[in-house]
Amino acid sequence: MPRLRVLLCALLACSSLTAAVGAGRALASHGQTVYFEAGSDLLNPSRREGAIEQMRRLGVGALRVELYWFNVAPGARSATRPSFDARDP
Protein backbone atom coordinates (compact mmCIF):
# COMPACT_ATOMS: atom_id res chain seq x y z
CA MET A 1 0.00 0.00 0.00
CA PRO A 2 2.77 2.55 0.72
CA ARG A 3 4.17 1.87 -2.75
CA LEU A 4 0.86 2.84 -4.31
CA ARG A 5 0.77 6.06 -2.29
CA VAL A 6 4.31 6.98 -3.42
CA LEU A 7 3.40 6.20 -7.03
CA LEU A 8 0.27 8.36 -6.86
CA CYS A 9 2.19 11.25 -5.27
CA ALA A 10 4.86 11.01 -7.98
CA LEU A 11 2.20 10.92 -10.71
CA LEU A 12 0.45 13.97 -9.23
CA ALA A 13 3.74 15.87 -9.00
CA CYS A 14 4.65 15.02 -12.60
CA SER A 15 1.24 16.03 -13.95
CA SER A 16 1.34 19.33 -12.01
CA LEU A 17 4.83 20.07 -13.32
CA THR A 18 3.82 19.22 -16.89
CA ALA A 19 0.78 21.50 -16.69
CA ALA A 20 2.83 24.39 -15.31
CA VAL A 21 5.66 24.07 -17.84
CA GLY A 22 3.51 23.28 -20.87
CA ALA A 23 1.20 26.27 -20.57
CA GLY A 24 3.26 28.76 -22.54
CA ARG A 25 2.09 31.68 -24.65
CA ALA A 26 1.47 31.25 -28.34
CA LEU A 27 3.73 33.70 -30.12
CA ALA A 28 2.56 34.70 -33.58
CA SER A 29 4.38 36.98 -35.96
CA HIS A 30 3.09 40.55 -36.14
CA GLY A 31 3.72 40.52 -39.88
CA GLN A 32 1.68 37.36 -40.41
CA THR A 33 -0.89 37.54 -43.20
CA VAL A 34 -4.43 37.17 -41.93
CA TYR A 35 -7.02 35.51 -44.15
CA PHE A 36 -10.76 35.73 -43.68
CA GLU A 37 -13.08 33.20 -45.26
CA ALA A 38 -16.61 34.48 -45.61
CA GLY A 39 -17.84 33.18 -48.93
CA SER A 40 -21.52 33.09 -48.03
CA ASP A 41 -21.34 36.44 -46.20
CA LEU A 42 -19.67 38.20 -49.10
CA LEU A 43 -22.06 36.73 -51.66
CA ASN A 44 -25.12 37.80 -49.69
CA PRO A 45 -25.78 41.52 -50.43
CA SER A 46 -27.50 42.07 -47.07
CA ARG A 47 -24.50 40.73 -45.07
CA ARG A 48 -21.66 41.90 -47.32
CA GLU A 49 -21.11 45.34 -45.76
CA GLY A 50 -20.95 43.89 -42.24
CA ALA A 51 -18.49 41.20 -43.31
CA ILE A 52 -16.20 43.75 -44.97
CA GLU A 53 -16.32 45.97 -41.87
CA GLN A 54 -15.47 42.98 -39.67
CA MET A 55 -12.50 42.19 -41.92
CA ARG A 56 -11.25 45.76 -41.53
CA ARG A 57 -11.52 45.57 -37.73
CA LEU A 58 -9.64 42.26 -37.66
CA GLY A 59 -6.84 43.66 -39.81
CA VAL A 60 -7.37 41.29 -42.72
CA GLY A 61 -4.62 41.84 -45.27
CA ALA A 62 -5.73 39.43 -47.99
CA LEU A 63 -8.92 37.93 -49.29
CA ARG A 64 -8.94 34.53 -50.95
CA VAL A 65 -11.46 34.26 -53.73
CA GLU A 66 -12.56 30.88 -55.00
CA LEU A 67 -14.10 30.98 -58.44
CA TYR A 68 -15.47 27.73 -59.79
CA TRP A 69 -15.41 27.49 -63.56
CA PHE A 70 -18.78 25.73 -63.76
CA ASN A 71 -20.39 28.78 -62.09
CA VAL A 72 -19.14 31.28 -64.66
CA ALA A 73 -18.51 29.30 -67.85
CA PRO A 74 -21.18 29.30 -70.55
CA GLY A 75 -23.04 26.03 -70.94
CA ALA A 76 -22.10 23.68 -73.78
CA ARG A 77 -25.52 24.17 -75.38
CA SER A 78 -25.88 27.86 -74.49
CA ALA A 79 -27.73 30.01 -77.05
CA THR A 80 -25.41 32.99 -76.48
CA ARG A 81 -21.75 32.98 -77.40
CA PRO A 82 -19.20 33.99 -74.77
CA SER A 83 -17.53 37.38 -75.22
CA PHE A 84 -14.03 35.84 -75.02
CA ASP A 85 -12.00 33.39 -77.08
CA ALA A 86 -12.19 30.15 -75.06
CA ARG A 87 -9.39 28.65 -77.20
CA ASP A 88 -6.92 31.25 -75.88
CA PRO A 89 -6.63 31.03 -72.11
PDB file of N, CA and C in Angstrom:
ATOM      1  N   MET A   1       0.796  -1.197   0.000  1.00  0.00           N
ATOM      2  CA  MET A   1       0.000   0.000   0.000  1.00  0.00           C
ATOM      3  C   MET A   1       0.845   1.270   0.000  1.00  0.00           C
ATOM      4  N   PRO A   2       1.953   1.340   0.761  1.00  0.00           N
ATOM      5  CA  PRO A   2       2.770   2.546   0.720  1.00  0.00           C
ATOM      6  C   PRO A   2       3.358   2.791  -0.671  1.00  0.00           C
ATOM      7  N   ARG A   3       3.628   1.711  -1.398  1.00  0.00           N
ATOM      8  CA  ARG A   3       4.166   1.873  -2.755  1.00  0.00           C
ATOM      9  C   ARG A   3       3.171   2.575  -3.663  1.00  0.00           C
ATOM     10  N   LEU A   4       1.908   2.220  -3.509  1.00  0.00           N
ATOM     11  CA  LEU A   4       0.857   2.841  -4.305  1.00  0.00           C
ATOM     12  C   LEU A   4       0.741   4.331  -3.980  1.00  0.00           C
ATOM     13  N   ARG A   5       0.846   4.665  -2.712  1.00  0.00           N
ATOM     14  CA  ARG A   5       0.774   6.062  -2.289  1.00  0.00           C
ATOM     15  C   ARG A   5       1.944   6.862  -2.868  1.00  0.00           C
ATOM     16  N   VAL A   6       3.131   6.303  -2.861  1.00  0.00           N
ATOM     17  CA  VAL A   6       4.311   6.978  -3.423  1.00  0.00           C
ATOM     18  C   VAL A   6       4.137   7.158  -4.927  1.00  0.00           C
ATOM     19  N   LEU A   7       3.617   6.129  -5.587  1.00  0.00           N
ATOM     20  CA  LEU A   7       3.396   6.200  -7.034  1.00  0.00           C
ATOM     21  C   LEU A   7       2.366   7.274  -7.370  1.00  0.00           C
ATOM     22  N   LEU A   8       1.284   7.340  -6.622  1.00  0.00           N
ATOM     23  CA  LEU A   8       0.269   8.361  -6.863  1.00  0.00           C
ATOM     24  C   LEU A   8       0.801   9.763  -6.607  1.00  0.00           C
ATOM     25  N   CYS A   9       1.587   9.933  -5.558  1.00  0.00           N
ATOM     26  CA  CYS A   9       2.191  11.253  -5.273  1.00  0.00           C
ATOM     27  C   CYS A   9       3.142  11.660  -6.392  1.00  0.00           C
ATOM     28  N   ALA A  10       3.929  10.720  -6.884  1.00  0.00           N
ATOM     29  CA  ALA A  10       4.863  11.010  -7.984  1.00  0.00           C
ATOM     30  C   ALA A  10       4.096  11.364  -9.248  1.00  0.00           C
ATOM     31  N   LEU A  11       3.022  10.643  -9.528  1.00  0.00           N
ATOM     32  CA  LEU A  11       2.199  10.921 -10.705  1.00  0.00           C
ATOM     33  C   LEU A  11       1.556  12.296 -10.606  1.00  0.00           C
ATOM     34  N   LEU A  12       1.046  12.650  -9.444  1.00  0.00           N
ATOM     35  CA  LEU A  12       0.446  13.965  -9.226  1.00  0.00           C
ATOM     36  C   LEU A  12       1.478  15.078  -9.394  1.00  0.00           C
ATOM     37  N   ALA A  13       2.677  14.871  -8.863  1.00  0.00           N
ATOM     38  CA  ALA A  13       3.740  15.874  -9.000  1.00  0.00           C
ATOM     39  C   ALA A  13       4.139  16.043 -10.456  1.00  0.00           C
ATOM     40  N   CYS A  14       4.263  14.945 -11.181  1.00  0.00           N
ATOM     41  CA  CYS A  14       4.647  15.022 -12.605  1.00  0.00           C
ATOM     42  C   CYS A  14       3.573  15.715 -13.431  1.00  0.00           C
ATOM     43  N   SER A  15       2.305  15.399 -13.174  1.00  0.00           N
ATOM     44  CA  SER A  15       1.240  16.034 -13.946  1.00  0.00           C
ATOM     45  C   SER A  15       1.143  17.528 -13.626  1.00  0.00           C
ATOM     46  N   SER A  16       1.363  17.911 -12.382  1.00  0.00           N
ATOM     47  CA  SER A  16       1.344  19.332 -12.014  1.00  0.00           C
ATOM     48  C   SER A  16       2.497  20.080 -12.671  1.00  0.00           C
ATOM     49  N   LEU A  17       3.659  19.454 -12.693  1.00  0.00           N
ATOM     50  CA  LEU A  17       4.829  20.073 -13.321  1.00  0.00           C
ATOM     51  C   LEU A  17       4.626  20.203 -14.825  1.00  0.00           C
ATOM     52  N   THR A  18       4.082  19.181 -15.451  1.00  0.00           N
ATOM     53  CA  THR A  18       3.820  19.217 -16.887  1.00  0.00           C
ATOM     54  C   THR A  18       2.821  20.317 -17.228  1.00  0.00           C
ATOM     55  N   ALA A  19       1.785  20.459 -16.438  1.00  0.00           N
ATOM     56  CA  ALA A  19       0.781  21.496 -16.686  1.00  0.00           C
ATOM     57  C   ALA A  19       1.377  22.888 -16.530  1.00  0.00           C
ATOM     58  N   ALA A  20       2.233  23.069 -15.546  1.00  0.00           N
ATOM     59  CA  ALA A  20       2.830  24.386 -15.306  1.00  0.00           C
ATOM     60  C   ALA A  20       3.836  24.758 -16.386  1.00  0.00           C
ATOM     61  N   VAL A  21       4.621  23.798 -16.832  1.00  0.00           N
ATOM     62  CA  VAL A  21       5.657  24.071 -17.840  1.00  0.00           C
ATOM     63  C   VAL A  21       5.052  24.170 -19.235  1.00  0.00           C
ATOM     64  N   GLY A  22       4.063  23.347 -19.524  1.00  0.00           N
ATOM     65  CA  GLY A  22       3.511  23.279 -20.872  1.00  0.00           C
ATOM     66  C   GLY A  22       2.553  24.397 -21.221  1.00  0.00           C
ATOM     67  N   ALA A  23       2.183  25.219 -20.302  1.00  0.00           N
ATOM     68  CA  ALA A  23       1.199  26.268 -20.573  1.00  0.00           C
ATOM     69  C   ALA A  23       1.891  27.567 -20.960  1.00  0.00           C
ATOM     70  N   GLY A  24       2.575  27.557 -22.075  1.00  0.00           N
ATOM     71  CA  GLY A  24       3.259  28.765 -22.540  1.00  0.00           C
ATOM     72  C   GLY A  24       2.376  29.606 -23.437  1.00  0.00           C
ATOM     73  N   ARG A  25       2.829  30.791 -23.766  1.00  0.00           N
ATOM     74  CA  ARG A  25       2.086  31.678 -24.652  1.00  0.00           C
ATOM     75  C   ARG A  25       2.315  31.271 -26.095  1.00  0.00           C
ATOM     76  N   ALA A  26       1.328  31.478 -26.901  1.00  0.00           N
ATOM     77  CA  ALA A  26       1.466  31.254 -28.337  1.00  0.00           C
ATOM     78  C   ALA A  26       1.984  32.548 -28.943  1.00  0.00           C
ATOM     79  N   LEU A  27       3.126  32.499 -29.543  1.00  0.00           N
ATOM     80  CA  LEU A  27       3.735  33.696 -30.117  1.00  0.00           C
ATOM     81  C   LEU A  27       3.565  33.681 -31.632  1.00  0.00           C
ATOM     82  N   ALA A  28       2.778  34.593 -32.143  1.00  0.00           N
ATOM     83  CA  ALA A  28       2.564  34.701 -33.583  1.00  0.00           C
ATOM     84  C   ALA A  28       3.321  35.922 -34.101  1.00  0.00           C
ATOM     85  N   SER A  29       3.681  35.875 -35.332  1.00  0.00           N
ATOM     86  CA  SER A  29       4.381  36.979 -35.963  1.00  0.00           C
ATOM     87  C   SER A  29       3.435  38.157 -36.169  1.00  0.00           C
ATOM     88  N   HIS A  30       3.914  39.368 -35.913  1.00  0.00           N
ATOM     89  CA  HIS A  30       3.093  40.553 -36.135  1.00  0.00           C
ATOM     90  C   HIS A  30       2.924  40.826 -37.622  1.00  0.00           C
ATOM     91  N   GLY A  31       3.816  40.318 -38.442  1.00  0.00           N
ATOM     92  CA  GLY A  31       3.719  40.519 -39.880  1.00  0.00           C
ATOM     93  C   GLY A  31       2.988  39.389 -40.585  1.00  0.00           C
ATOM     94  N   GLN A  32       2.360  38.506 -39.827  1.00  0.00           N
ATOM     95  CA  GLN A  32       1.677  37.357 -40.408  1.00  0.00           C
ATOM     96  C   GLN A  32       0.458  37.806 -41.205  1.00  0.00           C
ATOM     97  N   THR A  33       0.266  37.225 -42.381  1.00  0.00           N
ATOM     98  CA  THR A  33      -0.890  37.538 -43.200  1.00  0.00           C
ATOM     99  C   THR A  33      -2.124  36.891 -42.590  1.00  0.00           C
ATOM    100  N   VAL A  34      -3.189  37.664 -42.495  1.00  0.00           N
ATOM    101  CA  VAL A  34      -4.432  37.170 -41.927  1.00  0.00           C
ATOM    102  C   VAL A  34      -5.436  36.976 -43.055  1.00  0.00           C
ATOM    103  N   TYR A  35      -6.006  35.793 -43.143  1.00  0.00           N
ATOM    104  CA  TYR A  35      -7.021  35.506 -44.146  1.00  0.00           C
ATOM    105  C   TYR A  35      -8.378  35.405 -43.468  1.00  0.00           C
ATOM    106  N   PHE A  36      -9.398  35.756 -44.193  1.00  0.00           N
ATOM    107  CA  PHE A  36     -10.760  35.734 -43.681  1.00  0.00           C
ATOM    108  C   PHE A  36     -11.621  35.020 -44.703  1.00  0.00           C
ATOM    109  N   GLU A  37     -12.240  33.945 -44.326  1.00  0.00           N
ATOM    110  CA  GLU A  37     -13.080  33.203 -45.262  1.00  0.00           C
ATOM    111  C   GLU A  37     -14.537  33.477 -44.927  1.00  0.00           C
ATOM    112  N   ALA A  38     -15.209  34.148 -45.821  1.00  0.00           N
ATOM    113  CA  ALA A  38     -16.611  34.482 -45.608  1.00  0.00           C
ATOM    114  C   ALA A  38     -17.352  34.432 -46.933  1.00  0.00           C
ATOM    115  N   GLY A  39     -17.223  33.317 -47.607  1.00  0.00           N
ATOM    116  CA  GLY A  39     -17.837  33.177 -48.929  1.00  0.00           C
ATOM    117  C   GLY A  39     -19.318  33.479 -48.934  1.00  0.00           C
ATOM    118  N   SER A  40     -20.069  32.869 -48.034  1.00  0.00           N
ATOM    119  CA  SER A  40     -21.520  33.089 -48.031  1.00  0.00           C
ATOM    120  C   SER A  40     -21.857  34.509 -47.576  1.00  0.00           C
ATOM    121  N   ASP A  41     -21.072  35.067 -46.666  1.00  0.00           N
ATOM    122  CA  ASP A  41     -21.341  36.436 -46.203  1.00  0.00           C
ATOM    123  C   ASP A  41     -21.056  37.453 -47.292  1.00  0.00           C
ATOM    124  N   LEU A  42     -20.011  37.239 -48.052  1.00  0.00           N
ATOM    125  CA  LEU A  42     -19.668  38.201 -49.098  1.00  0.00           C
ATOM    126  C   LEU A  42     -20.577  38.073 -50.313  1.00  0.00           C
ATOM    127  N   LEU A  43     -21.147  36.910 -50.531  1.00  0.00           N
ATOM    128  CA  LEU A  43     -22.057  36.732 -51.663  1.00  0.00           C
ATOM    129  C   LEU A  43     -23.468  37.223 -51.354  1.00  0.00           C
ATOM    130  N   ASN A  44     -23.800  37.343 -50.093  1.00  0.00           N
ATOM    131  CA  ASN A  44     -25.119  37.804 -49.695  1.00  0.00           C
ATOM    132  C   ASN A  44     -25.098  39.326 -49.575  1.00  0.00           C
ATOM    133  N   PRO A  45     -25.828  40.049 -50.452  1.00  0.00           N
ATOM    134  CA  PRO A  45     -25.777  41.522 -50.426  1.00  0.00           C
ATOM    135  C   PRO A  45     -26.183  42.131 -49.088  1.00  0.00           C
ATOM    136  N   SER A  46     -27.067  41.484 -48.334  1.00  0.00           N
ATOM    137  CA  SER A  46     -27.503  42.067 -47.067  1.00  0.00           C
ATOM    138  C   SER A  46     -26.459  41.904 -45.964  1.00  0.00           C
ATOM    139  N   ARG A  47     -25.528  40.952 -46.098  1.00  0.00           N
ATOM    140  CA  ARG A  47     -24.503  40.734 -45.072  1.00  0.00           C
ATOM    141  C   ARG A  47     -23.105  41.174 -45.528  1.00  0.00           C
ATOM    142  N   ARG A  48     -22.970  41.570 -46.768  1.00  0.00           N
ATOM    143  CA  ARG A  48     -21.656  41.896 -47.324  1.00  0.00           C
ATOM    144  C   ARG A  48     -20.980  43.052 -46.606  1.00  0.00           C
ATOM    145  N   GLU A  49     -21.705  44.143 -46.386  1.00  0.00           N
ATOM    146  CA  GLU A  49     -21.105  45.338 -45.763  1.00  0.00           C
ATOM    147  C   GLU A  49     -20.598  45.021 -44.354  1.00  0.00           C
ATOM    148  N   GLY A  50     -21.375  44.261 -43.587  1.00  0.00           N
ATOM    149  CA  GLY A  50     -20.954  43.888 -42.237  1.00  0.00           C
ATOM    150  C   GLY A  50     -19.717  42.998 -42.252  1.00  0.00           C
ATOM    151  N   ALA A  51     -19.646  42.090 -43.213  1.00  0.00           N
ATOM    152  CA  ALA A  51     -18.486  41.198 -43.313  1.00  0.00           C
ATOM    153  C   ALA A  51     -17.229  41.981 -43.668  1.00  0.00           C
ATOM    154  N   ILE A  52     -17.359  42.936 -44.579  1.00  0.00           N
ATOM    155  CA  ILE A  52     -16.201  43.754 -44.970  1.00  0.00           C
ATOM    156  C   ILE A  52     -15.743  44.608 -43.796  1.00  0.00           C
ATOM    157  N   GLU A  53     -16.684  45.161 -43.042  1.00  0.00           N
ATOM    158  CA  GLU A  53     -16.317  45.968 -41.871  1.00  0.00           C
ATOM    159  C   GLU A  53     -15.631  45.100 -40.813  1.00  0.00           C
ATOM    160  N   GLN A  54     -16.104  43.887 -40.630  1.00  0.00           N
ATOM    161  CA  GLN A  54     -15.471  42.980 -39.666  1.00  0.00           C
ATOM    162  C   GLN A  54     -14.056  42.640 -40.123  1.00  0.00           C
ATOM    163  N   MET A  55     -13.850  42.457 -41.417  1.00  0.00           N
ATOM    164  CA  MET A  55     -12.502  42.186 -41.925  1.00  0.00           C
ATOM    165  C   MET A  55     -11.576  43.358 -41.639  1.00  0.00           C
ATOM    166  N   ARG A  56     -12.065  44.575 -41.823  1.00  0.00           N
ATOM    167  CA  ARG A  56     -11.245  45.762 -41.534  1.00  0.00           C
ATOM    168  C   ARG A  56     -10.844  45.801 -40.060  1.00  0.00           C
ATOM    169  N   ARG A  57     -11.811  45.543 -39.165  1.00  0.00           N
ATOM    170  CA  ARG A  57     -11.524  45.569 -37.727  1.00  0.00           C
ATOM    171  C   ARG A  57     -10.518  44.495 -37.333  1.00  0.00           C
ATOM    172  N   LEU A  58     -10.561  43.352 -37.984  1.00  0.00           N
ATOM    173  CA  LEU A  58      -9.645  42.263 -37.662  1.00  0.00           C
ATOM    174  C   LEU A  58      -8.268  42.435 -38.288  1.00  0.00           C
ATOM    175  N   GLY A  59      -8.131  43.415 -39.177  1.00  0.00           N
ATOM    176  CA  GLY A  59      -6.840  43.660 -39.815  1.00  0.00           C
ATOM    177  C   GLY A  59      -6.529  42.696 -40.936  1.00  0.00           C
ATOM    178  N   VAL A  60      -7.562  42.234 -41.621  1.00  0.00           N
ATOM    179  CA  VAL A  60      -7.367  41.293 -42.720  1.00  0.00           C
ATOM    180  C   VAL A  60      -6.553  41.969 -43.813  1.00  0.00           C
ATOM    181  N   GLY A  61      -5.490  41.285 -44.247  1.00  0.00           N
ATOM    182  CA  GLY A  61      -4.620  41.841 -45.268  1.00  0.00           C
ATOM    183  C   GLY A  61      -4.781  41.200 -46.625  1.00  0.00           C
ATOM    184  N   ALA A  62      -5.549  40.118 -46.720  1.00  0.00           N
ATOM    185  CA  ALA A  62      -5.730  39.428 -47.991  1.00  0.00           C
ATOM    186  C   ALA A  62      -7.086  38.734 -47.977  1.00  0.00           C
ATOM    187  N   LEU A  63      -7.642  38.606 -49.145  1.00  0.00           N
ATOM    188  CA  LEU A  63      -8.925  37.929 -49.294  1.00  0.00           C
ATOM    189  C   LEU A  63      -8.762  36.862 -50.358  1.00  0.00           C
ATOM    190  N   ARG A  64      -9.058  35.647 -50.004  1.00  0.00           N
ATOM    191  CA  ARG A  64      -8.944  34.532 -50.946  1.00  0.00           C
ATOM    192  C   ARG A  64     -10.283  34.365 -51.639  1.00  0.00           C
ATOM    193  N   VAL A  65     -10.236  34.389 -52.951  1.00  0.00           N
ATOM    194  CA  VAL A  65     -11.456  34.260 -53.735  1.00  0.00           C
ATOM    195  C   VAL A  65     -11.414  32.928 -54.465  1.00  0.00           C
ATOM    196  N   GLU A  66     -12.451  32.140 -54.285  1.00  0.00           N
ATOM    197  CA  GLU A  66     -12.564  30.878 -55.002  1.00  0.00           C
ATOM    198  C   GLU A  66     -13.612  31.051 -56.079  1.00  0.00           C
ATOM    199  N   LEU A  67     -13.210  30.834 -57.309  1.00  0.00           N
ATOM    200  CA  LEU A  67     -14.104  30.977 -58.445  1.00  0.00           C
ATOM    201  C   LEU A  67     -14.159  29.638 -59.150  1.00  0.00           C
ATOM    202  N   TYR A  68     -15.313  29.020 -59.136  1.00  0.00           N
ATOM    203  CA  TYR A  68     -15.470  27.727 -59.792  1.00  0.00           C
ATOM    204  C   TYR A  68     -15.898  27.942 -61.234  1.00  0.00           C
ATOM    205  N   TRP A  69     -15.187  27.302 -62.136  1.00  0.00           N
ATOM    206  CA  TRP A  69     -15.406  27.493 -63.563  1.00  0.00           C
ATOM    207  C   TRP A  69     -16.840  27.161 -63.952  1.00  0.00           C
ATOM    208  N   PHE A  70     -17.428  26.121 -63.370  1.00  0.00           N
ATOM    209  CA  PHE A  70     -18.780  25.731 -63.763  1.00  0.00           C
ATOM    210  C   PHE A  70     -19.822  26.785 -63.370  1.00  0.00           C
ATOM    211  N   ASN A  71     -19.467  27.705 -62.455  1.00  0.00           N
ATOM    212  CA  ASN A  71     -20.389  28.781 -62.086  1.00  0.00           C
ATOM    213  C   ASN A  71     -20.357  29.950 -63.060  1.00  0.00           C
ATOM    214  N   VAL A  72     -19.274  30.112 -63.787  1.00  0.00           N
ATOM    215  CA  VAL A  72     -19.135  31.280 -64.660  1.00  0.00           C
ATOM    216  C   VAL A  72     -19.008  30.935 -66.136  1.00  0.00           C
ATOM    217  N   ALA A  73     -18.698  29.698 -66.460  1.00  0.00           N
ATOM    218  CA  ALA A  73     -18.514  29.299 -67.854  1.00  0.00           C
ATOM    219  C   ALA A  73     -19.867  29.161 -68.544  1.00  0.00           C
ATOM    220  N   PRO A  74     -19.916  29.501 -69.827  1.00  0.00           N
ATOM    221  CA  PRO A  74     -21.177  29.299 -70.552  1.00  0.00           C
ATOM    222  C   PRO A  74     -21.434  27.799 -70.725  1.00  0.00           C
ATOM    223  N   GLY A  75     -22.680  27.436 -70.759  1.00  0.00           N
ATOM    224  CA  GLY A  75     -23.042  26.034 -70.936  1.00  0.00           C
ATOM    225  C   GLY A  75     -22.664  25.545 -72.325  1.00  0.00           C
ATOM    226  N   ALA A  76     -22.483  24.260 -72.490  1.00  0.00           N
ATOM    227  CA  ALA A  76     -22.102  23.675 -73.780  1.00  0.00           C
ATOM    228  C   ALA A  76     -23.171  23.920 -74.832  1.00  0.00           C
ATOM    229  N   ARG A  77     -24.419  23.968 -74.431  1.00  0.00           N
ATOM    230  CA  ARG A  77     -25.519  24.172 -75.383  1.00  0.00           C
ATOM    231  C   ARG A  77     -26.157  25.559 -75.220  1.00  0.00           C
ATOM    232  N   SER A  78     -25.383  26.511 -74.725  1.00  0.00           N
ATOM    233  CA  SER A  78     -25.881  27.864 -74.494  1.00  0.00           C
ATOM    234  C   SER A  78     -26.209  28.545 -75.813  1.00  0.00           C
ATOM    235  N   ALA A  79     -27.311  29.310 -75.837  1.00  0.00           N
ATOM    236  CA  ALA A  79     -27.732  30.015 -77.051  1.00  0.00           C
ATOM    237  C   ALA A  79     -26.873  31.246 -77.311  1.00  0.00           C
ATOM    238  N   THR A  80     -26.256  31.804 -76.285  1.00  0.00           N
ATOM    239  CA  THR A  80     -25.411  32.995 -76.479  1.00  0.00           C
ATOM    240  C   THR A  80     -23.942  32.614 -76.454  1.00  0.00           C
ATOM    241  N   ARG A  81     -23.187  33.244 -77.337  1.00  0.00           N
ATOM    242  CA  ARG A  81     -21.755  32.983 -77.400  1.00  0.00           C
ATOM    243  C   ARG A  81     -21.042  33.774 -76.317  1.00  0.00           C
ATOM    244  N   PRO A  82     -19.960  33.229 -75.759  1.00  0.00           N
ATOM    245  CA  PRO A  82     -19.197  33.994 -74.767  1.00  0.00           C
ATOM    246  C   PRO A  82     -18.480  35.163 -75.435  1.00  0.00           C
ATOM    247  N   SER A  83     -18.180  36.197 -74.665  1.00  0.00           N
ATOM    248  CA  SER A  83     -17.527  37.381 -75.224  1.00  0.00           C
ATOM    249  C   SER A  83     -16.005  37.276 -75.133  1.00  0.00           C
ATOM    250  N   PHE A  84     -15.476  36.053 -75.065  1.00  0.00           N
ATOM    251  CA  PHE A  84     -14.033  35.835 -75.024  1.00  0.00           C
ATOM    252  C   PHE A  84     -13.714  34.620 -75.897  1.00  0.00           C
ATOM    253  N   ASP A  85     -12.452  34.523 -76.279  1.00  0.00           N
ATOM    254  CA  ASP A  85     -11.998  33.388 -77.080  1.00  0.00           C
ATOM    255  C   ASP A  85     -11.601  32.260 -76.139  1.00  0.00           C
ATOM    256  N   ALA A  86     -12.433  31.259 -75.994  1.00  0.00           N
ATOM    257  CA  ALA A  86     -12.189  30.154 -75.062  1.00  0.00           C
ATOM    258  C   ALA A  86     -10.998  29.301 -75.484  1.00  0.00           C
ATOM    259  N   ARG A  87     -10.553  29.431 -76.744  1.00  0.00           N
ATOM    260  CA  ARG A  87      -9.387  28.649 -77.199  1.00  0.00           C
ATOM    261  C   ARG A  87      -8.083  29.285 -76.742  1.00  0.00           C
ATOM    262  N   ASP A  88      -8.131  30.540 -76.285  1.00  0.00           N
ATOM    263  CA  ASP A  88      -6.923  31.254 -75.879  1.00  0.00           C
ATOM    264  C   ASP A  88      -7.031  31.606 -74.395  1.00  0.00           C
ATOM    265  N   PRO A  89      -6.497  30.766 -73.536  1.00  0.00           N
ATOM    266  CA  PRO A  89      -6.628  31.029 -72.112  1.00  0.00           C
ATOM    267  C   PRO A  89      -5.814  32.244 -71.714  1.00  0.00           C
TER     268      PRO A  89
END
